[in-house]
Amino acid sequence: GEESAAASSLAGLSLQEAKQILNVTSVDPVDIAKNYE
């Protein structure tokens, strides 16, 4: 939890915002890569 909060702080994006931008509902590497591309 601490690492996740730190990652949000460093990236400037919360996990929720990142999911919304890439239009994913879960943290699935395959979906992330597909939507990112």
Full PDB file with SEQRES, HELIX, SHEET, SSBOND, CRYST1, ORIGX, SCALE, CONECT and MASTER records, all heavy atoms in Angstrom:
SEQRES   1 A   37  GLY GLU GLU SER ALA ALA ALA SER SER LEU ALA GLY LEU          
SEQRES   2 A   37  SER LEU GLN GLU ALA LYS GLN ILE LEU ASN VAL THR SER          
SEQRES   3 A   37  VAL ASP PRO VAL ASP ILE ALA LYS ASN TYR GLU                  
HELIX    1 AA1 GLU A    2  ALA A   11  1                                  10    
HELIX    2 AA2 LEU A   15  LEU A   22  1                                   8    
HELIX    3 AA3 PRO A   29  TYR A   36  1                                   8    
CRYST1    1.000    1.000    1.000  90.00  90.00  90.00 P 1           1          
ORIGX1      1.000000  0.000000  0.000000        0.00000                         
ORIGX2      0.000000  1.000000  0.000000        0.00000                         
ORIGX3      0.000000  0.000000  1.000000        0.00000                         
SCALE1      1.000000  0.000000  0.000000        0.00000                         
SCALE2      0.000000  1.000000  0.000000        0.00000                         
SCALE3      0.000000  0.000000  1.000000        0.00000                         
ATOM      1  N   GLY A   1       0.816  -1.204   0.000  1.00  0.00           N  
ATOM      2  CA  GLY A   1       0.000   0.000   0.000  1.00  0.00           C  
ATOM      3  C   GLY A   1       0.848   1.252   0.000  1.00  0.00           C  
ATOM      4  O   GLY A   1       0.545   2.229  -0.681  1.00  0.00           O  
ATOM      5  N   GLU A   2       1.920   1.210   0.763  1.00  0.00           N  
ATOM      6  CA  GLU A   2       2.830   2.360   0.809  1.00  0.00           C  
ATOM      7  C   GLU A   2       3.521   2.549  -0.538  1.00  0.00           C  
ATOM      8  O   GLU A   2       3.682   3.664  -1.009  1.00  0.00           O  
ATOM      9  CB  GLU A   2       3.874   2.158   1.907  1.00  0.00           C  
ATOM     10  CG  GLU A   2       3.301   2.196   3.304  1.00  0.00           C  
ATOM     11  CD  GLU A   2       4.293   1.747   4.368  1.00  0.00           C  
ATOM     12  OE1 GLU A   2       5.453   1.467   4.029  1.00  0.00           O  
ATOM     13  OE2 GLU A   2       3.882   1.674   5.535  1.00  0.00           O  
ATOM     14  N   GLU A   3       3.917   1.456  -1.166  1.00  0.00           N  
ATOM     15  CA  GLU A   3       4.573   1.544  -2.475  1.00  0.00           C  
ATOM     16  C   GLU A   3       3.613   2.090  -3.524  1.00  0.00           C  
ATOM     17  O   GLU A   3       3.999   2.880  -4.376  1.00  0.00           O  
ATOM     18  CB  GLU A   3       5.095   0.179  -2.909  1.00  0.00           C  
ATOM     19  CG  GLU A   3       6.321  -0.263  -2.168  1.00  0.00           C  
ATOM     20  CD  GLU A   3       6.847  -1.596  -2.677  1.00  0.00           C  
ATOM     21  OE1 GLU A   3       6.545  -1.971  -3.823  1.00  0.00           O  
ATOM     22  OE2 GLU A   3       7.572  -2.257  -1.919  1.00  0.00           O  
ATOM     23  N   SER A   4       2.358   1.669  -3.464  1.00  0.00           N  
ATOM     24  CA  SER A   4       1.366   2.146  -4.420  1.00  0.00           C  
ATOM     25  C   SER A   4       1.135   3.645  -4.263  1.00  0.00           C  
ATOM     26  O   SER A   4       1.045   4.380  -5.247  1.00  0.00           O  
ATOM     27  CB  SER A   4       0.049   1.389  -4.248  1.00  0.00           C  
ATOM     28  OG  SER A   4      -0.901   1.813  -5.184  1.00  0.00           O  
ATOM     29  N   ALA A   5       1.035   4.098  -3.021  1.00  0.00           N  
ATOM     30  CA  ALA A   5       0.842   5.528  -2.767  1.00  0.00           C  
ATOM     31  C   ALA A   5       2.062   6.315  -3.245  1.00  0.00           C  
ATOM     32  O   ALA A   5       1.926   7.396  -3.830  1.00  0.00           O  
ATOM     33  CB  ALA A   5       0.593   5.780  -1.291  1.00  0.00           C  
ATOM     34  N   ALA A   6       3.239   5.760  -3.015  1.00  0.00           N  
ATOM     35  CA  ALA A   6       4.464   6.425  -3.474  1.00  0.00           C  
ATOM     36  C   ALA A   6       4.503   6.475  -4.993  1.00  0.00           C  
ATOM     37  O   ALA A   6       4.896   7.486  -5.585  1.00  0.00           O  
ATOM     38  CB  ALA A   6       5.686   5.697  -2.935  1.00  0.00           C  
ATOM     39  N   ALA A   7       4.070   5.401  -5.650  1.00  0.00           N  
ATOM     40  CA  ALA A   7       4.046   5.375  -7.115  1.00  0.00           C  
ATOM     41  C   ALA A   7       3.081   6.420  -7.652  1.00  0.00           C  
ATOM     42  O   ALA A   7       3.365   7.101  -8.642  1.00  0.00           O  
ATOM     43  CB  ALA A   7       3.665   3.983  -7.620  1.00  0.00           C  
ATOM     44  N   SER A   8       1.945   6.579  -7.001  1.00  0.00           N  
ATOM     45  CA  SER A   8       0.982   7.605  -7.417  1.00  0.00           C  
ATOM     46  C   SER A   8       1.598   8.987  -7.296  1.00  0.00           C  
ATOM     47  O   SER A   8       1.441   9.834  -8.170  1.00  0.00           O  
ATOM     48  CB  SER A   8      -0.283   7.551  -6.554  1.00  0.00           C  
ATOM     49  OG  SER A   8      -1.021   6.405  -6.834  1.00  0.00           O  
ATOM     50  N   SER A   9       2.301   9.200  -6.206  1.00  0.00           N  
ATOM     51  CA  SER A   9       2.917  10.492  -5.971  1.00  0.00           C  
ATOM     52  C   SER A   9       3.997  10.788  -7.003  1.00  0.00           C  
ATOM     53  O   SER A   9       4.065  11.891  -7.543  1.00  0.00           O  
ATOM     54  CB  SER A   9       3.504  10.526  -4.565  1.00  0.00           C  
ATOM     55  OG  SER A   9       4.134  11.751  -4.329  1.00  0.00           O  
ATOM     56  N   LEU A  10       4.835   9.805  -7.290  1.00  0.00           N  
ATOM     57  CA  LEU A  10       5.926  10.011  -8.244  1.00  0.00           C  
ATOM     58  C   LEU A  10       5.422  10.175  -9.672  1.00  0.00           C  
ATOM     59  O   LEU A  10       5.933  10.983 -10.432  1.00  0.00           O  
ATOM     60  CB  LEU A  10       6.922   8.851  -8.179  1.00  0.00           C  
ATOM     61  CG  LEU A  10       7.755   8.785  -6.910  1.00  0.00           C  
ATOM     62  CD1 LEU A  10       8.590   7.515  -6.893  1.00  0.00           C  
ATOM     63  CD2 LEU A  10       8.644  10.005  -6.780  1.00  0.00           C  
ATOM     64  N   ALA A  11       4.425   9.381 -10.041  1.00  0.00           N  
ATOM     65  CA  ALA A  11       3.913   9.429 -11.409  1.00  0.00           C  
ATOM     66  C   ALA A  11       3.031  10.648 -11.633  1.00  0.00           C  
ATOM     67  O   ALA A  11       2.816  11.060 -12.772  1.00  0.00           O  
ATOM     68  CB  ALA A  11       3.128   8.161 -11.735  1.00  0.00           C  
ATOM     69  N   GLY A  12       2.498  11.197 -10.580  1.00  0.00           N  
ATOM     70  CA  GLY A  12       1.598  12.324 -10.727  1.00  0.00           C  
ATOM     71  C   GLY A  12       0.198  11.891 -11.129  1.00  0.00           C  
ATOM     72  O   GLY A  12      -0.641  12.713 -11.447  1.00  0.00           O  
ATOM     73  N   LEU A  13      -0.030  10.591 -11.124  1.00  0.00           N  
ATOM     74  CA  LEU A  13      -1.337  10.030 -11.465  1.00  0.00           C  
ATOM     75  C   LEU A  13      -1.728   9.023 -10.404  1.00  0.00           C  
ATOM     76  O   LEU A  13      -0.896   8.237  -9.958  1.00  0.00           O  
ATOM     77  CB  LEU A  13      -1.275   9.269 -12.791  1.00  0.00           C  
ATOM     78  CG  LEU A  13      -1.178  10.007 -14.093  1.00  0.00           C  
ATOM     79  CD1 LEU A  13      -1.001   9.012 -15.232  1.00  0.00           C  
ATOM     80  CD2 LEU A  13      -2.400  10.851 -14.334  1.00  0.00           C  
ATOM     81  N   SER A  14      -2.981   9.032 -10.033  1.00  0.00           N  
ATOM     82  CA  SER A  14      -3.452   7.989  -9.137  1.00  0.00           C  
ATOM     83  C   SER A  14      -3.702   6.733  -9.965  1.00  0.00           C  
ATOM     84  O   SER A  14      -3.770   6.777 -11.200  1.00  0.00           O  
ATOM     85  CB  SER A  14      -4.747   8.419  -8.441  1.00  0.00           C  
ATOM     86  OG  SER A  14      -5.810   8.455  -9.375  1.00  0.00           O  
ATOM     87  N   LEU A  15      -3.847   5.626  -9.285  1.00  0.00           N  
ATOM     88  CA  LEU A  15      -4.147   4.366  -9.970  1.00  0.00           C  
ATOM     89  C   LEU A  15      -5.461   4.499 -10.740  1.00  0.00           C  
ATOM     90  O   LEU A  15      -5.558   4.068 -11.897  1.00  0.00           O  
ATOM     91  CB  LEU A  15      -4.216   3.230  -8.947  1.00  0.00           C  
ATOM     92  CG  LEU A  15      -4.547   1.854  -9.492  1.00  0.00           C  
ATOM     93  CD1 LEU A  15      -3.523   1.414 -10.524  1.00  0.00           C  
ATOM     94  CD2 LEU A  15      -4.615   0.856  -8.345  1.00  0.00           C  
ATOM     95  N   GLN A  16      -6.439   5.120 -10.136  1.00  0.00           N  
ATOM     96  CA  GLN A  16      -7.751   5.305 -10.774  1.00  0.00           C  
ATOM     97  C   GLN A  16      -7.619   6.120 -12.065  1.00  0.00           C  
ATOM     98  O   GLN A  16      -8.200   5.781 -13.086  1.00  0.00           O  
ATOM     99  CB  GLN A  16      -8.703   5.999  -9.793  1.00  0.00           C  
ATOM    100  CG  GLN A  16     -10.018   6.421 -10.388  1.00  0.00           C  
ATOM    101  CD  GLN A  16     -11.140   5.526  -9.956  1.00  0.00           C  
ATOM    102  OE1 GLN A  16     -10.958   4.683  -9.110  1.00  0.00           O  
ATOM    103  NE2 GLN A  16     -12.289   5.713 -10.547  1.00  0.00           N  
ATOM    104  N   GLU A  17      -6.871   7.221 -12.004  1.00  0.00           N  
ATOM    105  CA  GLU A  17      -6.685   8.058 -13.193  1.00  0.00           C  
ATOM    106  C   GLU A  17      -5.992   7.289 -14.306  1.00  0.00           C  
ATOM    107  O   GLU A  17      -6.378   7.383 -15.473  1.00  0.00           O  
ATOM    108  CB  GLU A  17      -5.858   9.295 -12.848  1.00  0.00           C  
ATOM    109  CG  GLU A  17      -6.570  10.298 -11.981  1.00  0.00           C  
ATOM    110  CD  GLU A  17      -5.642  11.384 -11.476  1.00  0.00           C  
ATOM    111  OE1 GLU A  17      -4.488  11.073 -11.100  1.00  0.00           O  
ATOM    112  OE2 GLU A  17      -6.078  12.557 -11.468  1.00  0.00           O  
ATOM    113  N   ALA A  18      -4.972   6.528 -13.943  1.00  0.00           N  
ATOM    114  CA  ALA A  18      -4.238   5.753 -14.941  1.00  0.00           C  
ATOM    115  C   ALA A  18      -5.157   4.730 -15.608  1.00  0.00           C  
ATOM    116  O   ALA A  18      -5.117   4.540 -16.831  1.00  0.00           O  
ATOM    117  CB  ALA A  18      -3.041   5.064 -14.305  1.00  0.00           C  
ATOM    118  N   LYS A  19      -6.001   4.083 -14.813  1.00  0.00           N  
ATOM    119  CA  LYS A  19      -6.959   3.117 -15.374  1.00  0.00           C  
ATOM    120  C   LYS A  19      -7.933   3.807 -16.327  1.00  0.00           C  
ATOM    121  O   LYS A  19      -8.270   3.266 -17.375  1.00  0.00           O  
ATOM    122  CB  LYS A  19      -7.740   2.428 -14.252  1.00  0.00           C  
ATOM    123  CG  LYS A  19      -6.964   1.390 -13.498  1.00  0.00           C  
ATOM    124  CD  LYS A  19      -7.870   0.800 -12.415  1.00  0.00           C  
ATOM    125  CE  LYS A  19      -7.232  -0.303 -11.643  1.00  0.00           C  
ATOM    126  NZ  LYS A  19      -8.134  -0.843 -10.612  1.00  0.00           N  
ATOM    127  N   GLN A  20      -8.393   4.987 -15.945  1.00  0.00           N  
ATOM    128  CA  GLN A  20      -9.334   5.713 -16.797  1.00  0.00           C  
ATOM    129  C   GLN A  20      -8.685   6.132 -18.109  1.00  0.00           C  
ATOM    130  O   GLN A  20      -9.303   6.030 -19.170  1.00  0.00           O  
ATOM    131  CB  GLN A  20      -9.880   6.938 -16.069  1.00  0.00           C  
ATOM    132  CG  GLN A  20     -10.846   6.594 -14.968  1.00  0.00           C  
ATOM    133  CD  GLN A  20     -11.287   7.818 -14.171  1.00  0.00           C  
ATOM    134  OE1 GLN A  20     -10.638   8.852 -14.192  1.00  0.00           O  
ATOM    135  NE2 GLN A  20     -12.397   7.677 -13.460  1.00  0.00           N  
ATOM    136  N   ILE A  21      -7.452   6.602 -18.047  1.00  0.00           N  
ATOM    137  CA  ILE A  21      -6.770   7.048 -19.256  1.00  0.00           C  
ATOM    138  C   ILE A  21      -6.595   5.892 -20.235  1.00  0.00           C  
ATOM    139  O   ILE A  21      -6.835   6.038 -21.433  1.00  0.00           O  
ATOM    140  CB  ILE A  21      -5.410   7.692 -18.912  1.00  0.00           C  
ATOM    141  CG1 ILE A  21      -5.640   9.037 -18.204  1.00  0.00           C  
ATOM    142  CG2 ILE A  21      -4.552   7.887 -20.162  1.00  0.00           C  
ATOM    143  CD1 ILE A  21      -4.396   9.635 -17.585  1.00  0.00           C  
ATOM    144  N   LEU A  22      -6.181   4.734 -19.724  1.00  0.00           N  
ATOM    145  CA  LEU A  22      -5.963   3.583 -20.605  1.00  0.00           C  
ATOM    146  C   LEU A  22      -7.220   2.726 -20.781  1.00  0.00           C  
ATOM    147  O   LEU A  22      -7.178   1.710 -21.475  1.00  0.00           O  
ATOM    148  CB  LEU A  22      -4.810   2.722 -20.098  1.00  0.00           C  
ATOM    149  CG  LEU A  22      -3.430   3.331 -20.264  1.00  0.00           C  
ATOM    150  CD1 LEU A  22      -2.354   2.354 -19.821  1.00  0.00           C  
ATOM    151  CD2 LEU A  22      -3.172   3.756 -21.691  1.00  0.00           C  
ATOM    152  N   ASN A  23      -8.318   3.137 -20.159  1.00  0.00           N  
ATOM    153  CA  ASN A  23      -9.600   2.454 -20.308  1.00  0.00           C  
ATOM    154  C   ASN A  23      -9.507   0.976 -19.934  1.00  0.00           C  
ATOM    155  O   ASN A  23      -9.913   0.098 -20.697  1.00  0.00           O  
ATOM    156  CB  ASN A  23     -10.145   2.625 -21.732  1.00  0.00           C  
ATOM    157  CG  ASN A  23     -11.604   2.241 -21.835  1.00  0.00           C  
ATOM    158  OD1 ASN A  23     -12.339   2.338 -20.860  1.00  0.00           O  
ATOM    159  ND2 ASN A  23     -12.016   1.796 -23.006  1.00  0.00           N  
ATOM    160  N   VAL A  24      -8.947   0.715 -18.754  1.00  0.00           N  
ATOM    161  CA  VAL A  24      -8.900  -0.649 -18.228  1.00  0.00           C  
ATOM    162  C   VAL A  24      -9.590  -0.666 -16.874  1.00  0.00           C  
ATOM    163  O   VAL A  24      -9.630   0.336 -16.174  1.00  0.00           O  
ATOM    164  CB  VAL A  24      -7.447  -1.178 -18.090  1.00  0.00           C  
ATOM    165  CG1 VAL A  24      -6.795  -1.336 -19.441  1.00  0.00           C  
ATOM    166  CG2 VAL A  24      -6.609  -0.290 -17.197  1.00  0.00           C  
ATOM    167  N   THR A  25     -10.142  -1.824 -16.525  1.00  0.00           N  
ATOM    168  CA  THR A  25     -10.835  -1.940 -15.239  1.00  0.00           C  
ATOM    169  C   THR A  25      -9.992  -2.657 -14.205  1.00  0.00           C  
ATOM    170  O   THR A  25     -10.225  -2.515 -13.015  1.00  0.00           O  
ATOM    171  CB  THR A  25     -12.174  -2.683 -15.403  1.00  0.00           C  
ATOM    172  OG1 THR A  25     -11.922  -3.938 -16.024  1.00  0.00           O  
ATOM    173  CG2 THR A  25     -13.136  -1.870 -16.257  1.00  0.00           C  
ATOM    174  N   SER A  26      -9.021  -3.441 -14.669  1.00  0.00           N  
ATOM    175  CA  SER A  26      -8.155  -4.160 -13.732  1.00  0.00           C  
ATOM    176  C   SER A  26      -6.703  -3.929 -14.128  1.00  0.00           C  
ATOM    177  O   SER A  26      -6.409  -3.407 -15.202  1.00  0.00           O  
ATOM    178  CB  SER A  26      -8.470  -5.656 -13.761  1.00  0.00           C  
ATOM    179  OG  SER A  26      -8.163  -6.183 -15.033  1.00  0.00           O  
ATOM    180  N   VAL A  27      -5.816  -4.355 -13.263  1.00  0.00           N  
ATOM    181  CA  VAL A  27      -4.388  -4.197 -13.526  1.00  0.00           C  
ATOM    182  C   VAL A  27      -3.898  -5.480 -14.198  1.00  0.00           C  
ATOM    183  O   VAL A  27      -3.150  -6.262 -13.622  1.00  0.00           O  
ATOM    184  CB  VAL A  27      -3.627  -3.897 -12.214  1.00  0.00           C  
ATOM    185  CG1 VAL A  27      -2.165  -3.622 -12.496  1.00  0.00           C  
ATOM    186  CG2 VAL A  27      -4.241  -2.711 -11.504  1.00  0.00           C  
ATOM    187  N   ASP A  28      -4.357  -5.675 -15.425  1.00  0.00           N  
ATOM    188  CA  ASP A  28      -3.978  -6.848 -16.212  1.00  0.00           C  
ATOM    189  C   ASP A  28      -2.946  -6.415 -17.256  1.00  0.00           C  
ATOM    190  O   ASP A  28      -3.263  -5.578 -18.117  1.00  0.00           O  
ATOM    191  CB  ASP A  28      -5.212  -7.436 -16.891  1.00  0.00           C  
ATOM    192  CG  ASP A  28      -4.888  -8.608 -17.784  1.00  0.00           C  
ATOM    193  OD1 ASP A  28      -3.944  -9.357 -17.469  1.00  0.00           O  
ATOM    194  OD2 ASP A  28      -5.589  -8.779 -18.806  1.00  0.00           O  
ATOM    195  N   PRO A  29      -1.740  -6.962 -17.207  1.00  0.00           N  
ATOM    196  CA  PRO A  29      -0.687  -6.520 -18.127  1.00  0.00           C  
ATOM    197  C   PRO A  29      -1.056  -6.643 -19.606  1.00  0.00           C  
ATOM    198  O   PRO A  29      -0.668  -5.803 -20.413  1.00  0.00           O  
ATOM    199  CB  PRO A  29       0.501  -7.433 -17.788  1.00  0.00           C  
ATOM    200  CG  PRO A  29       0.235  -7.922 -16.411  1.00  0.00           C  
ATOM    201  CD  PRO A  29      -1.252  -7.961 -16.261  1.00  0.00           C  
ATOM    202  N   VAL A  30      -1.843  -7.643 -19.959  1.00  0.00           N  
ATOM    203  CA  VAL A  30      -2.229  -7.832 -21.364  1.00  0.00           C  
ATOM    204  C   VAL A  30      -3.158  -6.710 -21.817  1.00  0.00           C  
ATOM    205  O   VAL A  30      -2.952  -6.101 -22.875  1.00  0.00           O  
ATOM    206  CB  VAL A  30      -2.888  -9.220 -21.562  1.00  0.00           C  
ATOM    207  CG1 VAL A  30      -3.410  -9.373 -22.975  1.00  0.00           C  
ATOM    208  CG2 VAL A  30      -1.910 -10.326 -21.213  1.00  0.00           C  
ATOM    209  N   ASP A  31      -4.181  -6.416 -21.008  1.00  0.00           N  
ATOM    210  CA  ASP A  31      -5.112  -5.330 -21.346  1.00  0.00           C  
ATOM    211  C   ASP A  31      -4.397  -3.982 -21.376  1.00  0.00           C  
ATOM    212  O   ASP A  31      -4.655  -3.147 -22.247  1.00  0.00           O  
ATOM    213  CB  ASP A  31      -6.262  -5.254 -20.334  1.00  0.00           C  
ATOM    214  CG  ASP A  31      -7.243  -6.401 -20.474  1.00  0.00           C  
ATOM    215  OD1 ASP A  31      -7.237  -7.069 -21.535  1.00  0.00           O  
ATOM    216  OD2 ASP A  31      -8.006  -6.639 -19.517  1.00  0.00           O  
ATOM    217  N   ILE A  32      -3.508  -3.775 -20.428  1.00  0.00           N  
ATOM    218  CA  ILE A  32      -2.759  -2.515 -20.363  1.00  0.00           C  
ATOM    219  C   ILE A  32      -1.947  -2.328 -21.635  1.00  0.00           C  
ATOM    220  O   ILE A  32      -1.998  -1.280 -22.278  1.00  0.00           O  
ATOM    221  CB  ILE A  32      -1.848  -2.474 -19.119  1.00  0.00           C  
ATOM    222  CG1 ILE A  32      -2.702  -2.407 -17.852  1.00  0.00           C  
ATOM    223  CG2 ILE A  32      -0.888  -1.304 -19.186  1.00  0.00           C  
ATOM    224  CD1 ILE A  32      -1.922  -2.646 -16.566  1.00  0.00           C  
ATOM    225  N   ALA A  33      -1.213  -3.367 -22.033  1.00  0.00           N  
ATOM    226  CA  ALA A  33      -0.369  -3.281 -23.228  1.00  0.00           C  
ATOM    227  C   ALA A  33      -1.199  -3.064 -24.486  1.00  0.00           C  
ATOM    228  O   ALA A  33      -0.851  -2.239 -25.339  1.00  0.00           O  
ATOM    229  CB  ALA A  33       0.484  -4.540 -23.357  1.00  0.00           C  
ATOM    230  N   LYS A  34      -2.305  -3.781 -24.594  1.00  0.00           N  
ATOM    231  CA  LYS A  34      -3.170  -3.672 -25.780  1.00  0.00           C  
ATOM    232  C   LYS A  34      -3.752  -2.262 -25.903  1.00  0.00           C  
ATOM    233  O   LYS A  34      -3.668  -1.636 -26.965  1.00  0.00           O  
ATOM    234  CB  LYS A  34      -4.294  -4.716 -25.698  1.00  0.00           C  
ATOM    235  CG  LYS A  34      -5.187  -4.753 -26.930  1.00  0.00           C  
ATOM    236  CD  LYS A  34      -6.278  -5.793 -26.780  1.00  0.00           C  
ATOM    237  CE  LYS A  34      -7.412  -5.142 -26.035  1.00  0.00           C  
ATOM    238  NZ  LYS A  34      -8.632  -5.896 -25.946  1.00  0.00           N  
ATOM    239  N   ASN A  35      -4.316  -1.758 -24.824  1.00  0.00           N  
ATOM    240  CA  ASN A  35      -4.916  -0.418 -24.862  1.00  0.00           C  
ATOM    241  C   ASN A  35      -3.861   0.663 -25.042  1.00  0.00           C  
ATOM    242  O   ASN A  35      -4.089   1.656 -25.736  1.00  0.00           O  
ATOM    243  CB  ASN A  35      -5.744  -0.170 -23.611  1.00  0.00           C  
ATOM    244  CG  ASN A  35      -7.028  -0.965 -23.600  1.00  0.00           C  
ATOM    245  OD1 ASN A  35      -7.250  -1.817 -24.446  1.00  0.00           O  
ATOM    246  ND2 ASN A  35      -7.873  -0.714 -22.628  1.00  0.00           N  
ATOM    247  N   TYR A  36      -2.709   0.471 -24.422  1.00  0.00           N  
ATOM    248  CA  TYR A  36      -1.616   1.434 -24.576  1.00  0.00           C  
ATOM    249  C   TYR A  36      -1.202   1.532 -26.042  1.00  0.00           C  
ATOM    250  O   TYR A  36      -1.094   2.640 -26.581  1.00  0.00           O  
ATOM    251  CB  TYR A  36      -0.423   1.020 -23.712  1.00  0.00           C  
ATOM    252  CG  TYR A  36       0.827   1.796 -24.050  1.00  0.00           C  
ATOM    253  CD1 TYR A  36       0.994   3.095 -23.598  1.00  0.00           C  
ATOM    254  CD2 TYR A  36       1.828   1.239 -24.841  1.00  0.00           C  
ATOM    255  CE1 TYR A  36       2.130   3.821 -23.914  1.00  0.00           C  
ATOM    256  CE2 TYR A  36       2.959   1.954 -25.157  1.00  0.00           C  
ATOM    257  CZ  TYR A  36       3.110   3.240 -24.696  1.00  0.00           C  
ATOM    258  OH  TYR A  36       4.223   3.954 -25.026  1.00  0.00           O  
ATOM    259  N   GLU A  37      -0.960   0.400 -26.673  1.00  0.00           N  
ATOM    260  CA  GLU A  37      -0.526   0.405 -28.084  1.00  0.00           C  
ATOM    261  C   GLU A  37      -1.544   1.128 -28.961  1.00  0.00           C  
ATOM    262  O   GLU A  37      -1.184   1.966 -29.794  1.00  0.00           O  
ATOM    263  CB  GLU A  37      -0.322  -1.030 -28.596  1.00  0.00           C  
ATOM    264  CG  GLU A  37       0.882  -1.715 -28.013  1.00  0.00           C  
ATOM    265  CD  GLU A  37       2.201  -1.064 -28.393  1.00  0.00           C  
ATOM    266  OE1 GLU A  37       2.322  -0.542 -29.525  1.00  0.00           O  
ATOM    267  OE2 GLU A  37       3.106  -1.062 -27.536  1.00  0.00           O  
TER     268      GLU A  37                                                      
MASTER        0    0    0    3    0    0    0    6  267    1    0    3          
END                                                                             
